[in-house]
Amino acid sequence: MYDRESIRQRLAQILEAETDLRPPSLEDGIALEEGLGLDSLDLSSLVLRVEDFYRIRLSQTDIREAKTVGLLLDLIVGKLAKAMSQRRVA
């Protein structure tokens, strides 16, 4: 299973690949839009790459509510946990 720090590192890699941003750190409290300067296109691209890599789906509501790096990490961790539990049941 993925841990929070490995997901944070993957987010940093995706951000760099998609936006050429290389933030010194992705602290939980950093706002995605204001703190990292992401626009709606950047966020959409980030979400698509995250969904692709982790094989999860993030709803538009989920994405709107994930205003910070920490909230986005919480969302991804939660979706991964749910996906893993569903795979074990199936």
C-alpha atoms as a PDB file:
ATOM      1  CA  MET A   1       0.000   0.000   0.000  1.00  0.00           C
ATOM      2  CA  TYR A   2       1.105   3.558  -0.622  1.00  0.00           C
ATOM      3  CA  ASP A   3       2.076   5.723   2.300  1.00  0.00           C
ATOM      4  CA  ARG A   4       1.438   9.438   2.554  1.00  0.00           C
ATOM      5  CA  GLU A   5       5.072  10.422   1.919  1.00  0.00           C
ATOM      6  CA  SER A   6       5.405   8.324  -1.225  1.00  0.00           C
ATOM      7  CA  ILE A   7       2.197   9.930  -2.513  1.00  0.00           C
ATOM      8  CA  ARG A   8       3.614  13.385  -1.667  1.00  0.00           C
ATOM      9  CA  GLN A   9       6.755  12.539  -3.665  1.00  0.00           C
ATOM     10  CA  ARG A  10       4.659  11.347  -6.608  1.00  0.00           C
ATOM     11  CA  LEU A  11       2.664  14.601  -6.507  1.00  0.00           C
ATOM     12  CA  ALA A  12       5.907  16.558  -6.631  1.00  0.00           C
ATOM     13  CA  GLN A  13       7.030  14.539  -9.668  1.00  0.00           C
ATOM     14  CA  ILE A  14       3.710  15.062 -11.426  1.00  0.00           C
ATOM     15  CA  LEU A  15       3.750  18.786 -10.677  1.00  0.00           C
ATOM     16  CA  GLU A  16       7.228  19.119 -12.091  1.00  0.00           C
ATOM     17  CA  ALA A  17       6.375  17.125 -15.221  1.00  0.00           C
ATOM     18  CA  GLU A  18       3.063  18.879 -15.862  1.00  0.00           C
ATOM     19  CA  THR A  19       3.774  22.466 -14.829  1.00  0.00           C
ATOM     20  CA  ASP A  20       7.554  22.810 -14.595  1.00  0.00           C
ATOM     21  CA  LEU A  21       7.003  23.771 -10.941  1.00  0.00           C
ATOM     22  CA  ARG A  22       9.548  22.441  -8.543  1.00  0.00           C
ATOM     23  CA  PRO A  23       8.401  23.529  -5.115  1.00  0.00           C
ATOM     24  CA  PRO A  24      11.056  23.196  -2.395  1.00  0.00           C
ATOM     25  CA  SER A  25       8.570  21.171  -0.378  1.00  0.00           C
ATOM     26  CA  LEU A  26       4.945  20.181  -0.539  1.00  0.00           C
ATOM     27  CA  GLU A  27       3.872  20.975   3.005  1.00  0.00           C
ATOM     28  CA  ASP A  28       0.317  20.041   3.956  1.00  0.00           C
ATOM     29  CA  GLY A  29      -0.765  23.647   4.462  1.00  0.00           C
ATOM     30  CA  ILE A  30       0.251  24.926   1.028  1.00  0.00           C
ATOM     31  CA  ALA A  31      -2.762  26.005  -1.037  1.00  0.00           C
ATOM     32  CA  LEU A  32      -2.853  24.379  -4.461  1.00  0.00           C
ATOM     33  CA  GLU A  33      -3.997  27.474  -6.311  1.00  0.00           C
ATOM     34  CA  GLU A  34      -2.598  30.394  -4.340  1.00  0.00           C
ATOM     35  CA  GLY A  35       0.444  28.705  -2.813  1.00  0.00           C
ATOM     36  CA  LEU A  36       1.576  26.738  -5.854  1.00  0.00           C
ATOM     37  CA  GLY A  37       0.029  29.004  -8.468  1.00  0.00           C
ATOM     38  CA  LEU A  38      -1.969  26.243 -10.130  1.00  0.00           C
ATOM     39  CA  ASP A  39      -4.813  27.248 -12.404  1.00  0.00           C
ATOM     40  CA  SER A  40      -7.803  25.093 -13.323  1.00  0.00           C
ATOM     41  CA  LEU A  41      -5.960  23.529 -16.272  1.00  0.00           C
ATOM     42  CA  ASP A  42      -2.981  22.636 -14.066  1.00  0.00           C
ATOM     43  CA  LEU A  43      -5.313  21.105 -11.467  1.00  0.00           C
ATOM     44  CA  SER A  44      -7.154  19.093 -14.114  1.00  0.00           C
ATOM     45  CA  SER A  45      -3.887  17.777 -15.492  1.00  0.00           C
ATOM     46  CA  LEU A  46      -2.641  16.914 -11.994  1.00  0.00           C
ATOM     47  CA  VAL A  47      -5.862  15.069 -11.198  1.00  0.00           C
ATOM     48  CA  LEU A  48      -5.772  13.094 -14.443  1.00  0.00           C
ATOM     49  CA  ARG A  49      -2.194  11.986 -13.806  1.00  0.00           C
ATOM     50  CA  VAL A  50      -3.010  11.033 -10.192  1.00  0.00           C
ATOM     51  CA  GLU A  51      -6.069   9.063 -11.317  1.00  0.00           C
ATOM     52  CA  ASP A  52      -4.037   7.309 -13.992  1.00  0.00           C
ATOM     53  CA  PHE A  53      -1.126   6.424 -11.750  1.00  0.00           C
ATOM     54  CA  TYR A  54      -3.157   5.209  -8.763  1.00  0.00           C
ATOM     55  CA  ARG A  55      -6.121   3.861 -10.748  1.00  0.00           C
ATOM     56  CA  ILE A  56      -8.642   5.823  -8.716  1.00  0.00           C
ATOM     57  CA  ARG A  57     -11.364   8.339  -9.581  1.00  0.00           C
ATOM     58  CA  LEU A  58     -11.661  11.751  -7.966  1.00  0.00           C
ATOM     59  CA  SER A  59     -14.986  13.541  -8.306  1.00  0.00           C
ATOM     60  CA  GLN A  60     -15.259  17.225  -9.124  1.00  0.00           C
ATOM     61  CA  THR A  61     -16.637  17.774  -5.610  1.00  0.00           C
ATOM     62  CA  ASP A  62     -13.623  16.026  -4.106  1.00  0.00           C
ATOM     63  CA  ILE A  63     -11.270  18.164  -6.137  1.00  0.00           C
ATOM     64  CA  ARG A  64     -13.020  21.440  -5.258  1.00  0.00           C
ATOM     65  CA  GLU A  65     -12.788  20.584  -1.554  1.00  0.00           C
ATOM     66  CA  ALA A  66      -9.089  19.663  -1.705  1.00  0.00           C
ATOM     67  CA  LYS A  67      -7.762  23.209  -1.473  1.00  0.00           C
ATOM     68  CA  THR A  68      -4.380  22.341   0.055  1.00  0.00           C
ATOM     69  CA  VAL A  69      -1.664  19.756  -0.471  1.00  0.00           C
ATOM     70  CA  GLY A  70      -2.663  18.081   2.798  1.00  0.00           C
ATOM     71  CA  LEU A  71      -6.324  17.821   1.831  1.00  0.00           C
ATOM     72  CA  LEU A  72      -5.379  16.416  -1.569  1.00  0.00           C
ATOM     73  CA  LEU A  73      -3.133  13.844   0.111  1.00  0.00           C
ATOM     74  CA  ASP A  74      -5.965  12.917   2.509  1.00  0.00           C
ATOM     75  CA  LEU A  75      -8.292  12.478  -0.458  1.00  0.00           C
ATOM     76  CA  ILE A  76      -5.854  10.255  -2.363  1.00  0.00           C
ATOM     77  CA  VAL A  77      -5.029   8.155   0.712  1.00  0.00           C
ATOM     78  CA  GLY A  78      -8.748   7.698   1.410  1.00  0.00           C
ATOM     79  CA  LYS A  79      -9.528   6.710  -2.172  1.00  0.00           C
ATOM     80  CA  LEU A  80      -6.627   4.252  -2.221  1.00  0.00           C
ATOM     81  CA  ALA A  81      -7.746   2.669   1.054  1.00  0.00           C
ATOM     82  CA  LYS A  82     -11.281   2.304  -0.277  1.00  0.00           C
ATOM     83  CA  ALA A  83     -10.039   0.819  -3.554  1.00  0.00           C
ATOM     84  CA  MET A  84      -7.805  -1.653  -1.706  1.00  0.00           C
ATOM     85  CA  SER A  85     -10.661  -2.799   0.544  1.00  0.00           C
ATOM     86  CA  GLN A  86     -12.942  -3.252  -2.458  1.00  0.00           C
ATOM     87  CA  ARG A  87     -10.308  -5.313  -4.256  1.00  0.00           C
ATOM     88  CA  ARG A  88      -9.921  -7.603  -1.243  1.00  0.00           C
ATOM     89  CA  VAL A  89     -13.683  -8.186  -1.104  1.00  0.00           C
ATOM     90  CA  ALA A  90     -13.969  -8.941  -4.819  1.00  0.00           C
END
